[in-house]
Protein backbone atom coordinates (compact mmCIF):
# COMPACT_ATOMS: atom_id res chain seq x y z
CA MET A 1 0.00 0.00 0.00
CA GLU A 2 1.26 3.44 -0.85
CA GLY A 3 2.75 5.52 1.96
CA ILE A 4 0.38 8.44 1.41
CA LEU A 5 -2.68 6.21 1.78
CA ILE A 6 -1.40 4.80 5.05
CA THR A 7 -1.23 8.38 6.29
CA LEU A 8 -4.57 9.52 4.89
CA ILE A 9 -6.77 6.54 5.84
CA PRO A 10 -6.61 6.93 9.65
CA LEU A 11 -7.16 10.67 9.30
CA GLY A 12 -9.67 10.82 6.48
CA VAL A 13 -11.94 7.85 7.07
CA PRO A 14 -12.91 8.81 10.66
CA LEU A 15 -13.65 12.35 9.45
CA VAL A 16 -15.93 11.01 6.72
CA VAL A 17 -17.69 8.70 9.19
CA ALA A 18 -18.11 11.61 11.64
CA ALA A 19 -19.65 13.69 8.85
CA ILE A 20 -22.03 10.84 8.01
CA LYS A 21 -22.98 10.55 11.69
CA ARG A 22 -23.75 14.28 11.85
CA LEU A 23 -25.87 14.14 8.71
CA LEU A 24 -27.63 10.91 9.65
CA THR A 25 -28.26 11.29 13.36
CA GLN A 26 -30.02 7.93 13.60
CA VAL A 27 -26.71 6.04 13.07
CA PRO A 28 -25.87 4.43 16.45
CA SER A 29 -22.38 5.00 17.81
CA LYS A 30 -21.70 1.27 17.93
CA TRP A 31 -21.65 1.24 14.10
CA ILE A 32 -18.87 3.84 13.83
CA PRO A 33 -15.94 1.37 14.08
CA ILE A 34 -17.61 -0.94 11.56
CA LEU A 35 -18.20 1.90 9.10
CA THR A 36 -14.63 3.08 9.57
CA GLY A 37 -13.22 -0.39 8.92
CA LEU A 38 -15.36 -0.79 5.82
CA GLY A 39 -14.33 2.65 4.57
CA GLY A 40 -10.67 1.79 4.96
CA ALA A 41 -11.20 -1.54 3.21
CA VAL A 42 -12.89 0.22 0.28
CA ILE A 43 -10.02 2.69 -0.03
CA GLY A 44 -7.50 -0.14 0.18
CA LEU A 45 -9.38 -2.07 -2.51
CA ALA A 46 -9.53 1.03 -4.71
CA ASN A 47 -5.78 1.38 -4.28
CA ALA A 48 -5.29 -2.25 -5.35
CA VAL A 49 -7.46 -1.77 -8.42
CA ALA A 50 -5.67 1.45 -9.37
CA SER A 51 -2.23 -0.08 -8.99
CA THR A 52 -0.62 -2.48 -11.38
CA ASN A 53 -0.88 -5.31 -8.84
CA PHE A 54 -3.58 -7.54 -10.32
CA SER A 55 -3.04 -10.59 -8.12
CA LEU A 56 -5.66 -11.77 -5.62
CA GLU A 57 -2.98 -11.71 -2.93
CA GLY A 58 -2.25 -8.02 -3.62
CA TRP A 59 -5.93 -7.11 -3.55
CA THR A 60 -6.47 -9.00 -0.30
CA GLN A 61 -3.42 -7.44 1.32
CA ASP A 62 -4.39 -3.89 0.31
CA THR A 63 -8.00 -4.36 1.43
CA LEU A 64 -7.02 -5.75 4.83
CA SER A 65 -4.31 -3.11 5.27
CA GLY A 66 -6.84 -0.36 4.60
CA ALA A 67 -9.28 -1.79 7.13
CA ILE A 68 -6.59 -2.25 9.81
CA VAL A 69 -5.17 1.23 9.35
CA ALA A 70 -8.66 2.77 9.50
CA LEU A 71 -9.46 0.86 12.69
CA ALA A 72 -6.15 2.08 14.13
CA GLY A 73 -7.48 5.60 13.61
CA VAL A 74 -10.53 4.69 15.70
CA GLY A 75 -8.26 3.30 18.41
CA ILE A 76 -6.16 6.46 18.49
CA HIS A 77 -9.33 8.54 18.80
CA GLN A 78 -10.54 6.43 21.72
CA ILE A 79 -7.20 6.72 23.52
CA TYR A 80 -7.33 10.50 23.10
CA LYS A 81 -10.97 10.66 24.17
CA GLN A 82 -10.38 8.59 27.31
CA ARG A 83 -7.20 10.43 28.31
CA VAL A 84 -8.36 14.00 27.71
CA LYS A 85 -12.00 13.72 28.69
CA GLY A 86 -11.36 11.29 31.52
CA GLU A 87 -13.96 8.72 30.47
């Protein structure tokens, strides 16, 4: 996976999910990590399709990497939230 995507996924995907949550207030908070993981997986898959790596192994690796990096962004947010806000 490209270095720039590894940087952008944990920053961008949670922002997009937060925007979706603000627009669609009926989305329960328990779905946020799932939506974030799926968003990262979609970006990782798009990266695999756009690259010259046409193997199933490359697609799988990029998709899983995207999901893991996006979920890491959720984890970082939770650490910050619990430390700063004292939850």
